[in-house]
Amino acid sequence: MTDKEKPFNELTAEDCEELEIVFAPGAFDNFEGTQEELDAFIAEITRVIKSGEILERSRPVDLDTMSDDEAFALARALGIDPETGEDVDRTRKLQ
């Protein structure tokens, strides 16, 4: 059984099989695609986690030692303007 207090970097592939995957309300509000595409995306995220593949495809992030370029890339990936620290509205408005 997975120890809920176990740090991510100590998880094994066997631990991953038992993880409960919960998405925050609104996590996919800005998803641009069909319901079928969203369902496939969620299924792929679940597969990568449950199979333990996430352990092979990820790396720890240490905010204290990352370079400015890495910090800016992380901020942009999270939808944050690295210069201002403000949320970026990533939805497009058609004109």
N, C-alpha and C. Protein backbone atom coordinates (compact mmCIF):
# COMPACT_ATOMS: atom_id res chain seq x y z
N MET A 1 0.84 -1.19 0.00
CA MET A 1 0.00 0.00 0.00
C MET A 1 0.89 1.25 0.00
N THR A 2 0.49 2.25 -0.74
CA THR A 2 1.25 3.49 -0.86
C THR A 2 1.12 4.32 0.41
N ASP A 3 2.25 4.77 0.92
CA ASP A 3 2.26 5.67 2.06
C ASP A 3 1.92 7.06 1.54
N LYS A 4 0.82 7.65 2.00
CA LYS A 4 0.38 8.95 1.49
C LYS A 4 1.38 10.06 1.80
N GLU A 5 2.27 9.83 2.72
CA GLU A 5 3.26 10.84 3.08
C GLU A 5 4.58 10.63 2.35
N LYS A 6 4.67 9.60 1.53
CA LYS A 6 5.91 9.29 0.83
C LYS A 6 6.21 10.38 -0.20
N PRO A 7 7.42 10.93 -0.19
CA PRO A 7 7.76 11.96 -1.18
C PRO A 7 7.78 11.37 -2.59
N PHE A 8 7.49 12.21 -3.57
CA PHE A 8 7.43 11.77 -4.95
C PHE A 8 8.70 11.04 -5.38
N ASN A 9 9.85 11.58 -4.97
CA ASN A 9 11.12 10.98 -5.41
C ASN A 9 11.40 9.62 -4.78
N GLU A 10 10.57 9.18 -3.86
CA GLU A 10 10.73 7.85 -3.26
C GLU A 10 9.69 6.86 -3.76
N LEU A 11 8.79 7.29 -4.64
CA LEU A 11 7.77 6.40 -5.17
C LEU A 11 8.38 5.36 -6.10
N THR A 12 7.79 4.19 -6.12
CA THR A 12 8.17 3.14 -7.06
C THR A 12 7.03 2.98 -8.07
N ALA A 13 7.30 2.24 -9.14
CA ALA A 13 6.25 1.97 -10.14
C ALA A 13 5.07 1.27 -9.47
N GLU A 14 5.35 0.40 -8.52
CA GLU A 14 4.28 -0.31 -7.81
C GLU A 14 3.43 0.67 -6.99
N ASP A 15 4.07 1.66 -6.38
CA ASP A 15 3.32 2.67 -5.63
C ASP A 15 2.38 3.44 -6.56
N CYS A 16 2.85 3.72 -7.76
CA CYS A 16 2.07 4.52 -8.71
C CYS A 16 0.76 3.85 -9.08
N GLU A 17 0.76 2.53 -9.13
CA GLU A 17 -0.46 1.80 -9.47
C GLU A 17 -1.59 2.11 -8.50
N GLU A 18 -1.23 2.43 -7.26
CA GLU A 18 -2.23 2.65 -6.21
C GLU A 18 -2.60 4.12 -6.01
N LEU A 19 -1.94 5.03 -6.71
CA LEU A 19 -2.22 6.44 -6.52
C LEU A 19 -3.62 6.80 -6.97
N GLU A 20 -4.26 7.67 -6.22
CA GLU A 20 -5.55 8.21 -6.62
C GLU A 20 -5.27 9.50 -7.37
N ILE A 21 -5.79 9.60 -8.58
CA ILE A 21 -5.56 10.77 -9.42
C ILE A 21 -6.80 11.64 -9.37
N VAL A 22 -6.63 12.86 -8.87
CA VAL A 22 -7.74 13.79 -8.72
C VAL A 22 -7.35 15.10 -9.38
N PHE A 23 -8.20 15.59 -10.26
CA PHE A 23 -7.94 16.86 -10.92
C PHE A 23 -8.75 17.94 -10.21
N ALA A 24 -8.13 19.09 -10.03
CA ALA A 24 -8.80 20.21 -9.36
C ALA A 24 -9.98 20.69 -10.20
N PRO A 25 -11.03 21.15 -9.53
CA PRO A 25 -12.15 21.72 -10.28
C PRO A 25 -11.63 22.84 -11.19
N GLY A 26 -12.06 22.82 -12.43
CA GLY A 26 -11.65 23.85 -13.38
C GLY A 26 -10.30 23.59 -14.04
N ALA A 27 -9.66 22.47 -13.73
CA ALA A 27 -8.33 22.20 -14.26
C ALA A 27 -8.29 22.20 -15.78
N PHE A 28 -9.40 21.87 -16.40
CA PHE A 28 -9.42 21.78 -17.86
C PHE A 28 -10.36 22.81 -18.48
N ASP A 29 -10.68 23.86 -17.74
CA ASP A 29 -11.60 24.88 -18.25
C ASP A 29 -11.09 25.53 -19.54
N ASN A 30 -9.79 25.66 -19.68
CA ASN A 30 -9.23 26.32 -20.86
C ASN A 30 -8.80 25.32 -21.93
N PHE A 31 -9.16 24.06 -21.76
CA PHE A 31 -8.82 23.04 -22.75
C PHE A 31 -9.55 23.36 -24.05
N GLU A 32 -8.78 23.40 -25.12
CA GLU A 32 -9.37 23.67 -26.43
C GLU A 32 -9.41 22.37 -27.21
N GLY A 33 -10.55 21.77 -27.30
CA GLY A 33 -10.71 20.52 -28.02
C GLY A 33 -12.07 19.93 -27.73
N THR A 34 -12.33 18.79 -28.31
CA THR A 34 -13.61 18.12 -28.12
C THR A 34 -13.62 17.35 -26.81
N GLN A 35 -14.79 16.93 -26.40
CA GLN A 35 -14.91 16.11 -25.19
C GLN A 35 -14.11 14.81 -25.36
N GLU A 36 -14.15 14.25 -26.56
CA GLU A 36 -13.40 13.02 -26.83
C GLU A 36 -11.90 13.24 -26.68
N GLU A 37 -11.42 14.39 -27.16
CA GLU A 37 -9.99 14.71 -27.03
C GLU A 37 -9.62 14.91 -25.56
N LEU A 38 -10.50 15.56 -24.80
CA LEU A 38 -10.25 15.75 -23.37
C LEU A 38 -10.22 14.41 -22.65
N ASP A 39 -11.17 13.54 -22.98
CA ASP A 39 -11.21 12.21 -22.36
C ASP A 39 -9.93 11.44 -22.67
N ALA A 40 -9.43 11.53 -23.90
CA ALA A 40 -8.20 10.85 -24.29
C ALA A 40 -7.00 11.44 -23.56
N PHE A 41 -6.99 12.76 -23.40
CA PHE A 41 -5.91 13.44 -22.69
C PHE A 41 -5.86 12.99 -21.23
N ILE A 42 -7.00 12.97 -20.58
CA ILE A 42 -7.08 12.53 -19.18
C ILE A 42 -6.67 11.07 -19.06
N ALA A 43 -7.10 10.25 -20.00
CA ALA A 43 -6.73 8.83 -19.99
C ALA A 43 -5.21 8.66 -20.13
N GLU A 44 -4.59 9.48 -20.97
CA GLU A 44 -3.13 9.40 -21.15
C GLU A 44 -2.40 9.85 -19.89
N ILE A 45 -2.86 10.91 -19.26
CA ILE A 45 -2.25 11.36 -18.00
C ILE A 45 -2.35 10.24 -16.97
N THR A 46 -3.52 9.65 -16.86
CA THR A 46 -3.74 8.56 -15.91
C THR A 46 -2.83 7.38 -16.21
N ARG A 47 -2.71 7.01 -17.49
CA ARG A 47 -1.86 5.88 -17.88
C ARG A 47 -0.40 6.14 -17.51
N VAL A 48 0.09 7.35 -17.81
CA VAL A 48 1.49 7.68 -17.53
C VAL A 48 1.78 7.62 -16.03
N ILE A 49 0.82 8.03 -15.22
CA ILE A 49 1.00 8.00 -13.77
C ILE A 49 0.89 6.56 -13.25
N LYS A 50 -0.20 5.89 -13.58
CA LYS A 50 -0.45 4.54 -13.04
C LYS A 50 0.62 3.52 -13.48
N SER A 51 1.19 3.70 -14.68
CA SER A 51 2.21 2.76 -15.17
C SER A 51 3.57 3.00 -14.52
N GLY A 52 3.73 4.15 -13.89
CA GLY A 52 5.03 4.50 -13.31
C GLY A 52 5.92 5.21 -14.31
N GLU A 53 5.45 5.37 -15.53
CA GLU A 53 6.23 6.04 -16.57
C GLU A 53 6.57 7.47 -16.16
N ILE A 54 5.71 8.07 -15.36
CA ILE A 54 5.97 9.44 -14.91
C ILE A 54 7.29 9.55 -14.16
N LEU A 55 7.67 8.47 -13.47
CA LEU A 55 8.93 8.48 -12.72
C LEU A 55 10.13 8.57 -13.66
N GLU A 56 10.00 7.99 -14.85
CA GLU A 56 11.08 8.02 -15.83
C GLU A 56 11.10 9.34 -16.60
N ARG A 57 9.94 9.97 -16.73
CA ARG A 57 9.82 11.16 -17.58
C ARG A 57 9.88 12.47 -16.80
N SER A 58 10.09 12.40 -15.52
CA SER A 58 10.10 13.63 -14.72
C SER A 58 11.45 13.81 -14.03
N ARG A 59 11.64 14.99 -13.54
CA ARG A 59 12.85 15.28 -12.77
C ARG A 59 12.49 16.24 -11.65
N PRO A 60 13.20 16.14 -10.54
CA PRO A 60 12.90 17.04 -9.42
C PRO A 60 13.19 18.49 -9.79
N VAL A 61 12.44 19.39 -9.20
CA VAL A 61 12.64 20.81 -9.42
C VAL A 61 13.04 21.43 -8.10
N ASP A 62 14.18 22.10 -8.09
CA ASP A 62 14.65 22.80 -6.89
C ASP A 62 14.66 24.28 -7.22
N LEU A 63 13.69 25.00 -6.70
CA LEU A 63 13.55 26.42 -7.02
C LEU A 63 14.76 27.23 -6.56
N ASP A 64 15.47 26.73 -5.56
CA ASP A 64 16.62 27.48 -5.04
C ASP A 64 17.85 27.39 -5.93
N THR A 65 17.92 26.33 -6.76
CA THR A 65 19.13 26.15 -7.57
C THR A 65 18.87 26.26 -9.07
N MET A 66 17.62 26.43 -9.49
CA MET A 66 17.37 26.50 -10.93
C MET A 66 17.84 27.83 -11.50
N SER A 67 18.23 27.78 -12.76
CA SER A 67 18.70 28.98 -13.45
C SER A 67 17.52 29.90 -13.74
N ASP A 68 17.82 31.15 -14.07
CA ASP A 68 16.77 32.09 -14.44
C ASP A 68 15.99 31.60 -15.65
N ASP A 69 16.70 31.02 -16.63
CA ASP A 69 16.02 30.51 -17.82
C ASP A 69 15.04 29.40 -17.46
N GLU A 70 15.44 28.50 -16.57
CA GLU A 70 14.55 27.41 -16.13
C GLU A 70 13.36 27.97 -15.37
N ALA A 71 13.60 28.96 -14.51
CA ALA A 71 12.52 29.56 -13.73
C ALA A 71 11.52 30.27 -14.65
N PHE A 72 12.01 30.97 -15.67
CA PHE A 72 11.13 31.64 -16.62
C PHE A 72 10.32 30.61 -17.41
N ALA A 73 10.96 29.52 -17.84
CA ALA A 73 10.26 28.48 -18.59
C ALA A 73 9.17 27.84 -17.72
N LEU A 74 9.48 27.59 -16.46
CA LEU A 74 8.49 27.01 -15.55
C LEU A 74 7.32 27.97 -15.35
N ALA A 75 7.62 29.24 -15.14
CA ALA A 75 6.56 30.24 -14.95
C ALA A 75 5.65 30.28 -16.18
N ARG A 76 6.24 30.33 -17.35
CA ARG A 76 5.43 30.37 -18.58
C ARG A 76 4.58 29.11 -18.71
N ALA A 77 5.14 27.94 -18.39
CA ALA A 77 4.39 26.69 -18.47
C ALA A 77 3.21 26.68 -17.50
N LEU A 78 3.34 27.39 -16.39
CA LEU A 78 2.28 27.46 -15.40
C LEU A 78 1.30 28.60 -15.66
N GLY A 79 1.52 29.33 -16.76
CA GLY A 79 0.62 30.43 -17.10
C GLY A 79 0.88 31.69 -16.30
N ILE A 80 2.12 31.88 -15.90
CA ILE A 80 2.50 33.06 -15.11
C ILE A 80 3.48 33.88 -15.93
N ASP A 81 3.26 35.19 -16.01
CA ASP A 81 4.21 36.06 -16.69
C ASP A 81 5.46 36.14 -15.82
N PRO A 82 6.61 35.67 -16.31
CA PRO A 82 7.81 35.65 -15.48
C PRO A 82 8.32 37.03 -15.09
N GLU A 83 7.94 38.04 -15.85
CA GLU A 83 8.39 39.40 -15.54
C GLU A 83 7.56 40.05 -14.44
N THR A 84 6.23 39.79 -14.46
CA THR A 84 5.34 40.47 -13.51
C THR A 84 4.83 39.57 -12.40
N GLY A 85 4.87 38.24 -12.64
CA GLY A 85 4.31 37.31 -11.67
C GLY A 85 2.80 37.20 -11.75
N GLU A 86 2.19 37.85 -12.74
CA GLU A 86 0.74 37.83 -12.88
C GLU A 86 0.30 36.65 -13.72
N ASP A 87 -0.94 36.19 -13.46
CA ASP A 87 -1.52 35.13 -14.28
C ASP A 87 -1.67 35.64 -15.71
N VAL A 88 -1.44 34.75 -16.65
CA VAL A 88 -1.60 35.10 -18.06
C VAL A 88 -2.89 34.48 -18.55
N ASP A 89 -3.72 35.26 -19.19
CA ASP A 89 -4.95 34.74 -19.77
C ASP A 89 -4.55 34.05 -21.07
N ARG A 90 -4.58 32.71 -21.05
CA ARG A 90 -4.13 31.96 -22.21
C ARG A 90 -5.26 31.61 -23.17
N THR A 91 -6.41 32.24 -22.98
CA THR A 91 -7.51 31.98 -23.91
C THR A 91 -7.41 33.00 -25.05
N ARG A 92 -7.72 32.55 -26.25
CA ARG A 92 -7.68 33.43 -27.41
C ARG A 92 -9.07 33.98 -27.69
N LYS A 93 -9.11 35.21 -28.06
CA LYS A 93 -10.38 35.84 -28.42
C LYS A 93 -10.39 36.03 -29.92
N LEU A 94 -11.40 35.50 -30.58
CA LEU A 94 -11.53 35.67 -32.01
C LEU A 94 -12.08 37.05 -32.32
N GLN A 95 -11.58 37.64 -33.40
CA GLN A 95 -12.06 38.97 -33.77
C GLN A 95 -12.76 38.93 -35.09
